[in-house]
Amino acid sequence: MKSNILILIIALLSATVFGQVRKEWGAKFDYDQKNEQDPKVVLLDNYNHYMLTVINVDGMQATNQIILRKFDQKNNLVNTFVQEFPNKDMFTLHNYMGSFEIGNDKVVIFTDTYSNKTKKKEIHKVVFDKKSQTFTTTLVVGYTFESISKSGTANVMGSENGAFIAVTYQKFSNRKIAEETECTVLDGKTLEIVWKKTVTMPLELYTDTVVVTNSGKLVFVKRVVDKSAKHSLSIVDANETKETELGLNIKINKPITFSIGTQDYLVAFSSSATQRINIYDSILLYDLQSGTILKNNPIKDFAAIKDLKEIKYDYLNVQNNEIHLFVECKYQTGTRPDPKFPTSPGFNIPVYSNGNATLFVLDTEGNLKKSVNLNVYPTNDNLVGCVGIINYQGNYFVNAGNTNDTTGRYTRGFYKLEPNTFTPNNLNYQYAIPYNEETIDYRFGSSINQFCHYFPDNKRMLMAASYGDGKVAFLSIFGSGL
């Protein structure tokens, strides 16, 4: 009997010990918060992770660099890889276009370089291979133009499933010159060209947005300026261009495409064609195969947001015959002096915040079942998004600062959304970076909410915090698991 009790006590003590949360901070490292942009955590595994940023500053003190920081299992910085943008000379301007992970071992960064001296615009892909720890730069496409003012616009976009990456170049156009777009679609794994095509619009018809589908087609959102502001679509592949009307007098904002099985769909926020820009009072689901709007649902989720700049998509997922779309909003919350003219109030520049994180739930027929405000605290830091979303075994977890409904206090929390209602619940402070961190060297940091990743093999949560002194640190939290 005594031996059984002893075994029970040992088991309980073991459960307590191994159930305790353990934190492992890495050393702080330098981060140029003013100039480094589009920060991402990439190429994660159980041994290393990388932080990808770019600096894209032209002018007298031009800096155009790709920066990859490598971290070990202890979250310490072990190496920094820096690659200059291609075509670095005093006559060339540069644009960072975007970056994508290619499988588990590579990341590709796209750059746009253009020069009034050579009258050339070139799109390069810069690939980092973590096995060889090297960068490789390759020209994807090149174009000629008449002058800088008529150099056109290049964009890059990836499909939701990662199978395709598309590069588009819209040449200079006006009411007397029809818009032409050079389209180049790449395989998302090999980065080889799948198809190329020139798309020409009728006069006075212009492209607002282009997106690429999971099947490698391009969807052009078009507008007619003189007749109305309403939008229509062109669906383009290597063999044909299909024109289609939306069927409603609306305009749509920054659509994204996804698939259910082999069928491609488009989801977007929309508004009446007569409304001013950035007023979105409906959400629609569009069937790209049949060319029809399945449903355009009225919403009021953004009605109270003044000076809405853009809607940013955080995560899209299809499960349990539902479409789950997480978004946050970028909106102006004030102004501040322009650093170039610190003593001239007339040169103030806008200050933006990220907030109003919301989940929209639609059925596969396009009907809006519900929208859930995640009740998170807004951020006004370019490095810090207002939410990070993890989907683990079909459950959603949100990493964010949130306002406690009972007390109104601002807290940081890592919490689960209830599977049926999607309401924030089960606040789990063990997977959160407390503002008053018990480790004194890491107190008072700002949680980088979107930097969160769960490793189920060792029940480890990877997070990060930024500090006002230009420092960032990664943190591993070992707990009982999700």
Protein backbone atom coordinates (compact mmCIF):
# COMPACT_ATOMS: atom_id res chain seq x y z
CA MET A 1 0.00 0.00 0.00
CA LYS A 2 2.80 2.41 0.95
CA SER A 3 4.62 1.61 -2.28
CA ASN A 4 1.49 2.43 -4.30
CA ILE A 5 1.14 5.80 -2.54
CA LEU A 6 4.84 6.51 -3.14
CA ILE A 7 4.44 5.73 -6.85
CA LEU A 8 1.40 8.05 -7.02
CA ILE A 9 3.31 10.89 -5.32
CA ILE A 10 6.26 10.47 -7.70
CA ALA A 11 3.90 10.49 -10.69
CA LEU A 12 2.20 13.67 -9.49
CA LEU A 13 5.52 15.38 -8.85
CA SER A 14 6.78 14.37 -12.30
CA ALA A 15 3.64 15.72 -13.94
CA THR A 16 4.06 18.99 -12.06
CA VAL A 17 7.73 19.33 -12.98
CA PHE A 18 7.33 18.43 -16.63
CA GLY A 19 4.15 20.48 -16.95
CA GLN A 20 5.87 23.66 -15.87
CA VAL A 21 6.55 26.33 -18.41
CA ARG A 22 10.18 26.98 -19.30
CA LYS A 23 11.35 30.07 -21.17
CA GLU A 24 14.52 30.33 -23.20
CA TRP A 25 15.46 33.81 -24.38
CA GLY A 26 18.06 34.36 -27.07
CA ALA A 27 20.47 37.28 -26.87
CA LYS A 28 19.16 40.61 -28.15
CA PHE A 29 20.33 41.63 -31.60
CA ASP A 30 20.36 44.89 -33.56
CA TYR A 31 17.47 45.70 -35.89
CA ASP A 32 17.16 48.88 -37.98
CA GLN A 33 13.48 49.51 -37.36
CA LYS A 34 13.46 52.69 -39.42
CA ASN A 35 14.77 51.17 -42.65
CA GLU A 36 14.31 47.39 -42.52
CA GLN A 37 10.96 46.39 -43.99
CA ASP A 38 8.66 43.40 -44.52
CA PRO A 39 10.12 41.32 -41.64
CA LYS A 40 9.38 37.60 -41.84
CA VAL A 41 10.44 34.47 -39.99
CA VAL A 42 11.31 31.87 -42.63
CA LEU A 43 12.93 28.44 -43.15
CA LEU A 44 11.95 27.16 -39.71
CA ASP A 45 12.81 23.72 -38.42
CA ASN A 46 13.64 22.19 -35.05
CA TYR A 47 17.23 23.41 -35.27
CA ASN A 48 17.26 26.86 -36.89
CA HIS A 49 15.12 29.72 -38.08
CA TYR A 50 15.87 32.82 -40.14
CA MET A 51 14.59 36.38 -40.02
CA LEU A 52 14.26 37.97 -43.47
CA THR A 53 14.14 41.74 -44.03
CA VAL A 54 15.09 44.16 -46.79
CA ILE A 55 16.37 47.73 -46.89
CA ASN A 56 15.22 49.64 -49.98
CA VAL A 57 16.50 53.22 -49.76
CA ASP A 58 17.55 55.11 -52.91
CA GLY A 59 19.20 58.53 -53.12
CA MET A 60 22.52 59.99 -52.01
CA GLN A 61 22.90 57.44 -49.21
CA ALA A 62 21.34 54.53 -51.04
CA THR A 63 21.12 51.18 -49.26
CA ASN A 64 19.47 48.29 -51.10
CA GLN A 65 20.06 45.04 -49.27
CA ILE A 66 18.52 41.68 -48.46
CA ILE A 67 19.28 40.64 -44.88
CA LEU A 68 18.90 37.09 -43.56
CA ARG A 69 19.70 36.46 -39.91
CA LYS A 70 20.22 32.86 -38.83
CA PHE A 71 19.37 31.70 -35.28
CA ASP A 72 20.17 28.47 -33.47
CA GLN A 73 18.07 26.29 -31.16
CA LYS A 74 18.84 28.66 -28.28
CA ASN A 75 17.48 31.64 -30.32
CA ASN A 76 20.93 33.19 -30.54
CA LEU A 77 22.07 34.94 -33.71
CA VAL A 78 24.77 32.78 -35.30
CA ASN A 79 25.18 34.34 -38.74
CA THR A 80 23.97 37.25 -40.86
CA PHE A 81 23.83 37.00 -44.64
CA VAL A 82 23.64 40.24 -46.63
CA GLN A 83 23.05 40.44 -50.36
CA GLU A 84 23.06 43.66 -52.38
CA PHE A 85 20.24 44.28 -54.84
CA PRO A 86 21.35 43.67 -58.45
CA ASN A 87 22.35 46.54 -60.76
CA LYS A 88 23.87 48.68 -58.00
CA ASP A 89 25.08 51.91 -59.56
CA MET A 90 24.34 55.61 -59.15
CA PHE A 91 21.99 55.69 -62.15
CA THR A 92 19.68 52.85 -61.08
CA LEU A 93 16.60 52.91 -58.84
CA HIS A 94 15.29 49.87 -57.01
CA ASN A 95 12.03 48.41 -55.75
CA TYR A 96 11.60 45.43 -53.43
CA MET A 97 8.68 43.43 -54.85
CA GLY A 98 8.14 40.59 -52.38
CA SER A 99 9.48 37.29 -51.07
CA PHE A 100 8.31 33.67 -50.91
CA GLU A 101 9.49 30.45 -49.30
CA ILE A 102 10.31 27.69 -51.80
CA GLY A 103 9.81 24.43 -49.95
CA ASN A 104 11.71 24.03 -46.68
CA ASP A 105 15.17 24.99 -47.87
CA LYS A 106 14.94 28.11 -50.03
CA VAL A 107 13.50 31.60 -50.04
CA VAL A 108 13.24 33.84 -53.12
CA ILE A 109 13.25 37.64 -53.13
CA PHE A 110 12.16 39.64 -56.19
CA THR A 111 13.60 43.05 -57.07
CA ASP A 112 12.69 45.63 -59.70
CA THR A 113 15.55 47.79 -61.04
CA TYR A 114 15.14 50.60 -63.57
CA SER A 115 17.43 53.27 -64.99
CA ASN A 116 16.80 56.42 -67.00
CA LYS A 117 20.31 56.07 -68.42
CA THR A 118 19.80 52.61 -69.93
CA LYS A 119 16.00 52.96 -70.37
CA LYS A 120 15.69 49.43 -68.98
CA LYS A 121 13.57 47.81 -66.28
CA GLU A 122 14.72 44.42 -65.04
CA ILE A 123 13.07 41.95 -62.65
CA HIS A 124 15.50 39.66 -60.81
CA LYS A 125 14.96 36.70 -58.53
CA VAL A 126 17.44 36.36 -55.66
CA VAL A 127 17.38 32.86 -54.16
CA PHE A 128 18.88 31.97 -50.79
CA ASP A 129 19.62 28.26 -50.24
CA LYS A 130 20.01 27.41 -46.58
CA LYS A 131 21.92 24.20 -47.38
CA SER A 132 24.70 26.01 -49.24
CA GLN A 133 24.18 29.27 -47.28
CA THR A 134 24.47 31.22 -50.54
CA PHE A 135 22.50 33.67 -52.69
CA THR A 136 21.98 33.23 -56.44
CA THR A 137 20.73 36.14 -58.56
CA THR A 138 19.02 35.54 -61.92
CA LEU A 139 17.29 37.85 -64.39
CA VAL A 140 13.64 36.83 -64.83
CA VAL A 141 12.45 39.36 -67.42
CA GLY A 142 13.60 42.71 -68.80
CA TYR A 143 11.81 45.57 -70.54
CA THR A 144 12.65 48.86 -72.23
CA PHE A 145 10.85 52.18 -71.71
CA GLU A 146 10.89 55.74 -73.00
CA SER A 147 11.66 57.61 -69.76
CA ILE A 148 11.44 57.27 -65.97
CA SER A 149 8.05 59.01 -65.97
CA LYS A 150 6.83 56.41 -68.47
CA SER A 151 8.63 53.40 -67.00
CA GLY A 152 5.46 51.50 -66.05
CA THR A 153 4.69 49.41 -62.98
CA ALA A 154 5.87 45.91 -62.06
CA ASN A 155 4.29 43.63 -59.45
CA VAL A 156 4.85 40.12 -58.12
CA MET A 157 2.30 37.86 -56.44
CA GLY A 158 2.08 34.24 -55.26
CA SER A 159 -0.77 31.76 -55.37
CA GLU A 160 -2.36 30.72 -52.08
CA ASN A 161 -1.05 27.14 -52.40
CA GLY A 162 2.49 28.24 -53.33
CA ALA A 163 2.35 26.46 -56.70
CA PHE A 164 2.80 29.62 -58.81
CA ILE A 165 4.46 33.04 -58.68
CA ALA A 166 3.44 35.67 -61.22
CA VAL A 167 5.31 38.78 -62.40
CA THR A 168 3.33 41.47 -64.24
CA TYR A 169 4.58 44.63 -65.92
CA GLN A 170 2.04 47.28 -66.90
CA LYS A 171 3.48 49.59 -69.52
CA PHE A 172 2.80 53.32 -69.55
CA SER A 173 -0.69 54.11 -70.85
CA ASN A 174 -3.16 56.99 -71.05
CA ARG A 175 -6.43 57.77 -72.78
CA LYS A 176 -4.72 57.59 -76.16
CA ILE A 177 -2.49 54.58 -75.45
CA ALA A 178 -4.08 51.25 -74.51
CA GLU A 179 -2.74 49.54 -71.40
CA GLU A 180 -0.50 46.54 -72.07
CA THR A 181 0.57 44.09 -69.36
CA GLU A 182 3.44 41.66 -69.85
CA CYS A 183 2.63 38.53 -67.82
CA THR A 184 5.19 35.93 -66.70
CA VAL A 185 4.04 32.98 -64.56
CA LEU A 186 6.68 30.90 -62.76
CA ASP A 187 6.50 27.44 -61.21
CA GLY A 188 6.48 28.03 -57.45
CA LYS A 189 8.89 25.15 -56.79
CA THR A 190 11.40 25.33 -59.63
CA LEU A 191 11.00 29.07 -60.43
CA GLU A 192 11.08 28.16 -64.13
CA ILE A 193 8.77 30.05 -66.51
CA VAL A 194 5.46 28.20 -67.08
CA TRP A 195 3.91 30.67 -69.53
CA LYS A 196 4.24 34.23 -70.82
CA LYS A 197 1.68 36.46 -72.48
CA THR A 198 0.89 40.08 -73.31
CA VAL A 199 -2.58 41.25 -72.23
CA THR A 200 -3.93 44.39 -73.95
CA MET A 201 -6.86 46.33 -72.53
CA PRO A 202 -9.29 48.37 -74.63
CA LEU A 203 -8.78 52.13 -74.48
CA GLU A 204 -9.89 53.78 -71.22
CA LEU A 205 -9.90 50.45 -69.37
CA TYR A 206 -7.29 50.12 -66.61
CA THR A 207 -6.06 47.44 -64.21
CA ASP A 208 -6.59 47.95 -60.48
CA THR A 209 -5.26 44.62 -59.21
CA VAL A 210 -3.92 41.31 -60.50
CA VAL A 211 -3.95 38.02 -58.54
CA VAL A 212 -2.77 34.52 -59.45
CA THR A 213 -4.88 31.42 -58.79
CA ASN A 214 -3.87 28.01 -57.49
CA SER A 215 -4.18 26.69 -61.06
CA GLY A 216 -1.81 29.30 -62.49
CA LYS A 217 -4.32 31.70 -64.04
CA LEU A 218 -4.21 35.48 -63.65
CA VAL A 219 -7.28 37.43 -62.60
CA PHE A 220 -7.28 41.11 -63.60
CA VAL A 221 -9.60 43.47 -61.74
CA LYS A 222 -10.43 46.25 -64.25
CA ARG A 223 -12.11 49.63 -64.06
CA VAL A 224 -13.63 52.00 -66.59
CA VAL A 225 -12.85 55.55 -65.51
CA ASP A 226 -15.07 57.65 -67.74
CA LYS A 227 -18.22 55.56 -67.71
CA SER A 228 -18.29 54.43 -64.06
CA ALA A 229 -16.05 53.22 -61.28
CA LYS A 230 -17.45 49.70 -61.35
CA HIS A 231 -15.10 46.76 -61.75
CA SER A 232 -15.06 43.80 -64.12
CA LEU A 233 -12.69 40.85 -64.48
CA SER A 234 -10.38 39.28 -67.06
CA ILE A 235 -9.29 35.68 -66.40
CA VAL A 236 -6.09 34.89 -68.30
CA ASP A 237 -4.04 31.76 -68.90
CA ALA A 238 -1.59 30.67 -71.58
CA ASN A 239 -4.35 29.83 -74.04
CA GLU A 240 -7.15 32.36 -73.62
CA THR A 241 -8.42 35.56 -72.02
CA LYS A 242 -11.95 35.37 -70.63
CA GLU A 243 -13.83 38.62 -70.01
CA THR A 244 -16.54 38.64 -67.37
CA GLU A 245 -18.77 41.18 -65.67
CA LEU A 246 -19.34 41.03 -61.93
CA GLY A 247 -23.05 41.52 -62.49
CA LEU A 248 -23.32 44.20 -59.81
CA ASN A 249 -22.48 47.90 -59.84
CA ILE A 250 -19.61 47.45 -57.37
CA LYS A 251 -15.86 47.77 -56.96
CA ILE A 252 -13.77 45.24 -55.08
CA ASN A 253 -10.73 45.64 -52.88
CA LYS A 254 -7.52 43.61 -53.11
CA PRO A 255 -9.11 40.21 -53.80
CA ILE A 256 -7.44 36.92 -52.96
CA THR A 257 -7.95 33.56 -54.62
CA PHE A 258 -8.11 30.08 -53.11
CA SER A 259 -9.39 26.61 -54.01
CA ILE A 260 -11.91 24.10 -52.77
CA GLY A 261 -10.78 20.85 -54.34
CA THR A 262 -9.86 21.72 -57.93
CA GLN A 263 -12.22 24.68 -58.12
CA ASP A 264 -10.83 28.24 -57.92
CA TYR A 265 -12.65 31.00 -56.05
CA LEU A 266 -12.09 34.65 -55.29
CA VAL A 267 -13.02 36.42 -52.08
CA ALA A 268 -12.94 40.20 -51.67
CA PHE A 269 -14.42 43.12 -49.78
CA SER A 270 -16.56 45.34 -51.96
CA SER A 271 -18.57 48.54 -52.03
CA SER A 272 -20.94 50.39 -54.31
CA ALA A 273 -19.18 51.80 -57.37
CA THR A 274 -20.42 55.26 -56.40
CA GLN A 275 -18.72 55.26 -52.98
CA ARG A 276 -15.40 56.92 -52.31
CA ILE A 277 -12.31 54.77 -52.01
CA ASN A 278 -11.69 52.55 -48.95
CA ILE A 279 -15.30 52.25 -47.85
CA TYR A 280 -16.07 48.54 -47.76
CA ASP A 281 -19.54 47.47 -46.71
CA SER A 282 -19.83 43.97 -48.16
CA ILE A 283 -17.87 40.74 -48.65
CA LEU A 284 -18.33 38.55 -51.70
CA LEU A 285 -17.46 35.07 -52.93
CA TYR A 286 -16.90 34.68 -56.67
CA ASP A 287 -16.83 31.37 -58.59
CA LEU A 288 -14.06 31.74 -61.17
CA GLN A 289 -15.16 28.70 -63.17
CA SER A 290 -18.79 29.76 -63.71
CA GLY A 291 -17.96 33.49 -63.69
CA THR A 292 -20.60 34.41 -61.13
CA ILE A 293 -20.88 36.02 -57.72
CA LEU A 294 -22.23 33.36 -55.40
CA LYS A 295 -23.09 35.88 -52.71
CA ASN A 296 -22.37 39.52 -51.84
CA ASN A 297 -22.99 39.91 -48.10
CA PRO A 298 -23.51 43.30 -46.41
CA ILE A 299 -21.22 43.94 -43.43
CA LYS A 300 -20.75 46.72 -40.87
CA ASP A 301 -17.40 45.63 -39.41
CA PHE A 302 -15.43 48.56 -40.86
CA ALA A 303 -18.13 51.25 -40.62
CA ALA A 304 -16.66 52.88 -37.50
CA ILE A 305 -13.08 53.02 -38.82
CA LYS A 306 -12.16 56.53 -39.86
CA ASP A 307 -9.42 57.01 -42.46
CA LEU A 308 -9.17 53.32 -43.38
CA LYS A 309 -6.03 52.87 -45.46
CA GLU A 310 -6.21 49.20 -46.34
CA ILE A 311 -7.46 45.79 -45.29
CA LYS A 312 -4.63 43.32 -44.69
CA TYR A 313 -5.14 39.58 -44.97
CA ASP A 314 -3.56 37.56 -42.16
CA TYR A 315 -4.74 34.02 -42.87
CA LEU A 316 -7.23 32.14 -45.07
CA ASN A 317 -8.28 28.53 -44.50
CA VAL A 318 -11.01 26.16 -45.65
CA GLN A 319 -12.17 23.53 -43.16
CA ASN A 320 -15.44 21.91 -42.06
CA ASN A 321 -17.14 23.20 -45.25
CA GLU A 322 -16.42 26.76 -44.21
CA ILE A 323 -14.13 29.54 -45.44
CA HIS A 324 -12.27 31.30 -42.61
CA LEU A 325 -10.69 34.66 -43.43
CA PHE A 326 -8.66 36.56 -40.80
CA VAL A 327 -7.98 40.24 -41.53
CA GLU A 328 -6.70 43.35 -39.82
CA CYS A 329 -7.00 46.99 -40.81
CA LYS A 330 -4.44 49.71 -41.37
CA TYR A 331 -5.85 53.15 -40.60
CA GLN A 332 -4.61 56.64 -39.85
CA THR A 333 -4.59 57.63 -36.20
CA GLY A 334 -2.79 60.99 -36.34
CA THR A 335 0.27 62.76 -37.67
CA ARG A 336 3.85 63.40 -36.59
CA PRO A 337 6.61 65.76 -37.75
CA ASP A 338 8.47 64.68 -40.86
CA PRO A 339 12.07 63.84 -39.79
CA LYS A 340 13.29 65.75 -42.86
CA PHE A 341 11.49 68.93 -41.64
CA PRO A 342 11.28 68.52 -37.83
CA THR A 343 10.50 72.20 -37.11
CA SER A 344 7.88 72.71 -39.85
CA PRO A 345 4.34 71.69 -38.76
CA GLY A 346 3.15 71.97 -42.34
CA PHE A 347 5.25 68.96 -43.26
CA ASN A 348 3.66 66.47 -40.87
CA ILE A 349 3.34 62.91 -42.08
CA PRO A 350 0.54 60.45 -41.21
CA VAL A 351 0.74 57.88 -38.39
CA TYR A 352 -0.95 54.56 -39.01
CA SER A 353 -2.11 51.78 -36.70
CA ASN A 354 -2.92 48.12 -37.26
CA GLY A 355 -6.05 46.93 -35.53
CA ASN A 356 -9.68 45.79 -35.76
CA ALA A 357 -8.62 42.16 -36.28
CA THR A 358 -11.67 40.22 -37.45
CA LEU A 359 -12.55 36.68 -38.52
CA PHE A 360 -15.12 36.27 -41.31
CA VAL A 361 -16.78 32.85 -41.64
CA LEU A 362 -18.53 31.99 -44.91
CA ASP A 363 -20.09 28.75 -46.09
CA THR A 364 -19.08 27.28 -49.45
CA GLU A 365 -22.09 28.94 -51.10
CA GLY A 366 -20.73 32.34 -50.09
CA ASN A 367 -23.19 33.11 -47.30
CA LEU A 368 -21.64 35.02 -44.40
CA LYS A 369 -22.34 32.92 -41.31
CA LYS A 370 -20.69 35.27 -38.83
CA SER A 371 -17.97 37.81 -38.26
CA VAL A 372 -16.05 37.85 -34.99
CA ASN A 373 -14.06 40.83 -33.74
CA LEU A 374 -11.01 39.33 -32.04
CA ASN A 375 -10.95 42.27 -29.59
CA VAL A 376 -7.21 42.83 -29.87
CA TYR A 377 -5.21 45.89 -28.95
CA PRO A 378 -4.06 47.95 -31.98
CA THR A 379 -0.38 48.56 -32.70
CA ASN A 380 1.33 51.50 -34.39
CA ASP A 381 4.72 49.88 -34.91
CA ASN A 382 5.76 48.94 -38.46
CA LEU A 383 7.42 45.81 -37.09
CA VAL A 384 4.47 44.64 -34.99
CA GLY A 385 1.25 43.30 -36.48
CA CYS A 386 -1.80 43.23 -34.25
CA VAL A 387 -2.28 39.45 -34.48
CA GLY A 388 -0.53 36.19 -35.21
CA ILE A 389 -2.64 33.17 -36.18
CA ILE A 390 -1.76 29.51 -35.64
CA ASN A 391 -3.94 26.64 -36.87
CA TYR A 392 -3.05 23.49 -34.96
CA GLN A 393 -5.11 20.32 -35.42
CA GLY A 394 -8.04 22.38 -36.69
CA ASN A 395 -8.06 24.81 -33.76
CA TYR A 396 -7.16 28.48 -34.07
CA PHE A 397 -4.86 30.22 -31.63
CA VAL A 398 -4.37 33.99 -31.57
CA ASN A 399 -1.22 35.75 -30.37
CA ALA A 400 -2.03 39.37 -29.56
CA GLY A 401 -2.52 42.09 -27.07
CA ASN A 402 -6.17 42.09 -26.10
CA THR A 403 -8.55 44.17 -24.02
CA ASN A 404 -10.06 42.27 -21.13
CA ASP A 405 -13.86 42.50 -21.46
CA THR A 406 -14.37 42.50 -17.70
CA THR A 407 -11.82 45.04 -16.54
CA GLY A 408 -11.00 46.96 -19.71
CA ARG A 409 -7.30 46.47 -19.01
CA TYR A 410 -4.79 45.88 -21.78
CA THR A 411 -3.17 42.47 -21.48
CA ARG A 412 -1.08 40.21 -23.65
CA GLY A 413 -2.52 36.84 -24.30
CA PHE A 414 -2.20 33.72 -26.36
CA TYR A 415 -5.66 32.29 -26.59
CA LYS A 416 -7.77 29.71 -28.34
CA LEU A 417 -10.89 30.45 -30.36
CA GLU A 418 -13.83 28.27 -29.43
CA PRO A 419 -14.40 25.84 -32.34
CA ASN A 420 -18.10 26.58 -32.85
CA THR A 421 -18.48 30.24 -31.89
CA PHE A 422 -14.91 31.39 -32.70
CA THR A 423 -15.09 33.67 -29.68
CA PRO A 424 -11.83 34.41 -27.83
CA ASN A 425 -11.63 32.11 -24.84
CA ASN A 426 -9.23 30.08 -22.74
CA LEU A 427 -6.68 32.87 -22.28
CA ASN A 428 -3.35 31.11 -21.89
CA TYR A 429 -0.72 33.35 -20.32
CA GLN A 430 1.94 30.63 -20.37
CA TYR A 431 2.26 31.25 -24.12
CA ALA A 432 2.47 35.03 -23.90
CA ILE A 433 5.28 37.51 -23.44
CA PRO A 434 4.41 39.50 -20.30
CA TYR A 435 5.17 43.20 -20.41
CA ASN A 436 6.73 42.97 -16.96
CA GLU A 437 8.87 39.95 -17.85
CA GLU A 438 10.45 38.37 -14.77
CA THR A 439 13.81 38.24 -16.57
CA ILE A 440 14.91 41.83 -16.07
CA ASP A 441 16.94 42.12 -19.29
CA TYR A 442 13.82 41.35 -21.34
CA ARG A 443 11.25 43.51 -19.57
CA PHE A 444 9.06 46.07 -21.33
CA GLY A 445 9.43 44.70 -24.82
CA SER A 446 6.66 44.78 -27.44
CA SER A 447 5.49 41.33 -28.49
CA ILE A 448 5.93 40.88 -32.27
CA ASN A 449 2.56 39.20 -32.54
CA GLN A 450 2.92 37.75 -36.04
CA PHE A 451 6.22 36.06 -35.10
CA CYS A 452 4.74 32.94 -33.53
CA HIS A 453 5.22 29.34 -34.55
CA TYR A 454 4.50 26.08 -32.75
CA PHE A 455 6.80 23.04 -32.97
CA PRO A 456 4.75 20.00 -31.86
CA ASP A 457 7.77 17.66 -31.75
CA ASN A 458 9.16 19.35 -28.66
CA LYS A 459 6.06 21.33 -27.65
CA ARG A 460 7.89 24.59 -28.26
CA MET A 461 6.39 27.98 -29.06
CA LEU A 462 8.67 30.44 -30.86
CA MET A 463 7.92 34.13 -30.21
CA ALA A 464 9.76 37.44 -30.34
CA ALA A 465 9.80 40.91 -28.74
CA SER A 466 11.14 44.27 -29.91
CA TYR A 467 12.59 47.03 -27.76
CA GLY A 468 12.73 50.80 -28.13
CA ASP A 469 16.53 50.76 -28.30
CA GLY A 470 16.58 49.06 -31.72
CA LYS A 471 16.90 45.57 -30.29
CA VAL A 472 14.92 42.39 -30.93
CA ALA A 473 15.04 39.03 -29.13
CA PHE A 474 13.51 35.62 -29.87
CA LEU A 475 11.98 33.49 -27.14
CA SER A 476 11.15 29.79 -26.91
CA ILE A 477 8.40 28.77 -24.50
CA PHE A 478 8.25 25.11 -23.56
CA GLY A 479 4.95 24.12 -21.99
CA SER A 480 2.37 21.39 -21.90
CA GLY A 481 1.58 21.80 -25.61
CA LEU A 482 -1.45 23.05 -27.50
